[in-house]
C-alpha cells in the first residue's frame, strides 16, 4: 500500500467516525425531556454497535460475499430510522402533554 492510500483510508475512516460522533452528540443534545433523552442514548448505543458490526463483517468476510451484506443493511437501516423517528416523536408528544398538564 502506498502512503497516500493509507492516509486516504485513515482520513476517510476518521471523518466518518467524527461525523457519527457529532450526529450522536446533537441527537442527544436536542432532546426535550428525560424519556426522550434516555431513548436517544439507547438508540445511539444500538446504532453504534450495529454499524461497527457491519463494518467489521465487511472487512472480515471474503469478497464477493461481503458485498451481500449491503442488501440487509440498506433495507434494515432506513426501516429502523423511520421506526425510531416515530417513537421519538411519540415520546416527545407525550412529554409535552405532561408539561402542559403539570
Protein backbone atom coordinates (compact mmCIF):
# COMPACT_ATOMS: atom_id res chain seq x y z
CA UNK A 1 0.00 0.00 0.00
CA UNK A 2 1.21 3.45 -0.83
CA UNK A 3 1.41 6.17 1.83
CA UNK A 4 -1.28 8.15 0.01
CA UNK A 5 -3.70 5.21 0.11
CA UNK A 6 -3.05 4.61 3.81
CA UNK A 7 -3.55 8.32 4.53
CA UNK A 8 -6.75 8.39 2.48
CA UNK A 9 -8.20 5.37 4.26
CA UNK A 10 -7.24 6.73 7.68
CA UNK A 11 -8.64 10.18 6.88
CA UNK A 12 -11.88 8.75 5.48
CA UNK A 13 -12.40 6.50 8.48
CA UNK A 14 -11.62 9.35 10.88
CA UNK A 15 -14.06 11.71 9.17
CA UNK A 16 -16.74 9.02 9.19
CA UNK A 17 -16.37 8.36 12.91
CA UNK A 18 -16.18 12.11 13.63
CA UNK A 19 -19.38 12.69 11.66
CA UNK A 20 -21.11 9.89 13.53
CA UNK A 21 -19.95 11.27 16.88
CA UNK A 22 -21.15 14.79 16.05
CA UNK A 23 -24.50 13.43 14.86
CA UNK A 24 -24.87 11.37 18.02
CA UNK A 25 -24.00 14.32 20.24
CA UNK A 26 -26.56 16.64 18.65
CA UNK A 27 -29.23 13.94 18.50
CA UNK A 28 -28.94 13.57 22.26
CA UNK A 29 -28.42 17.28 22.98
CA UNK A 30 -31.53 18.35 21.04
CA UNK A 31 -33.96 16.22 23.03
CA UNK A 32 -36.66 17.90 25.11
CA UNK A 33 -37.19 15.62 28.08
CA UNK A 34 -35.67 12.85 30.15
CA UNK A 35 -37.56 9.98 28.47
CA UNK A 36 -36.65 11.23 25.02
CA UNK A 37 -33.00 11.67 26.04
CA UNK A 38 -32.84 8.15 27.52
CA UNK A 39 -34.41 6.78 24.31
CA UNK A 40 -31.88 8.59 22.12
CA UNK A 41 -28.95 7.37 24.23
CA UNK A 42 -30.21 3.78 23.99
CA UNK A 43 -30.78 4.05 20.22
CA UNK A 44 -27.36 5.68 19.73
CA UNK A 45 -25.64 2.80 21.50
CA UNK A 46 -27.57 0.23 19.47
CA UNK A 47 -26.75 2.04 16.23
CA UNK A 48 -23.02 2.38 17.00
CA UNK A 49 -22.82 -1.33 17.83
CA UNK A 50 -24.78 -2.38 14.73
CA UNK A 51 -22.79 -0.18 12.34
CA UNK A 52 -19.50 -1.30 13.91
CA UNK A 53 -20.52 -4.94 13.46
CA UNK A 54 -21.48 -4.23 9.85
CA UNK A 55 -18.12 -2.59 9.09
CA UNK A 56 -16.24 -5.41 10.84
CA UNK A 57 -18.17 -8.01 8.83
CA UNK A 58 -17.40 -6.11 5.62
CA UNK A 59 -13.71 -6.31 6.41
CA UNK A 60 -13.69 -9.91 7.68
CA UNK A 61 -15.83 -11.68 5.08
CA UNK A 62 -14.11 -12.56 1.83
CA UNK A 63 -15.09 -10.89 -1.42
CA UNK A 64 -17.62 -11.15 -3.09
CA UNK A 65 -19.64 -12.36 -0.08
CA UNK A 66 -19.05 -9.19 1.90
CA UNK A 67 -20.95 -7.20 -0.74
CA UNK A 68 -24.07 -9.23 0.05
CA UNK A 69 -24.14 -7.57 3.49
CA UNK A 70 -25.27 -4.34 1.83
CA UNK A 71 -28.64 -5.87 0.96
CA UNK A 72 -29.98 -6.31 4.51
CA UNK A 73 -28.14 -3.19 5.68
CA UNK A 74 -29.80 -0.98 3.05
CA UNK A 75 -33.20 -2.39 3.96
CA UNK A 76 -32.88 -2.52 7.75
CA UNK A 77 -31.26 0.87 8.37
CA UNK A 78 -33.97 3.06 6.74
CA UNK A 79 -36.74 0.97 8.32
CA UNK A 80 -35.12 1.27 11.76
CA UNK A 81 -34.64 5.03 11.33
CA UNK A 82 -38.29 5.54 10.37
CA UNK A 83 -39.48 3.44 13.31
CA UNK A 84 -37.20 5.20 15.79
CA UNK A 85 -38.22 8.65 14.48
CA UNK A 86 -41.89 7.77 15.01
CA UNK A 87 -41.14 6.51 18.53
CA UNK A 88 -39.13 9.64 19.34
CA UNK A 89 -41.96 11.87 18.13
CA UNK A 90 -44.43 9.86 20.23
CA UNK A 91 -42.26 10.28 23.33
CA UNK A 92 -41.78 13.99 22.60
CA UNK A 93 -45.55 14.50 22.26
CA UNK A 94 -46.23 12.59 25.50
CA UNK A 95 -43.66 14.67 27.38
CA UNK A 96 -45.03 17.92 26.01
CA UNK A 97 -48.55 16.93 27.11
CA UNK A 98 -47.26 16.16 30.60
CA UNK A 99 -45.57 19.56 30.80
CA UNK A 100 -48.76 21.29 29.63
CA UNK A 101 -50.85 19.40 32.21
CA UNK A 102 -48.40 19.67 35.07
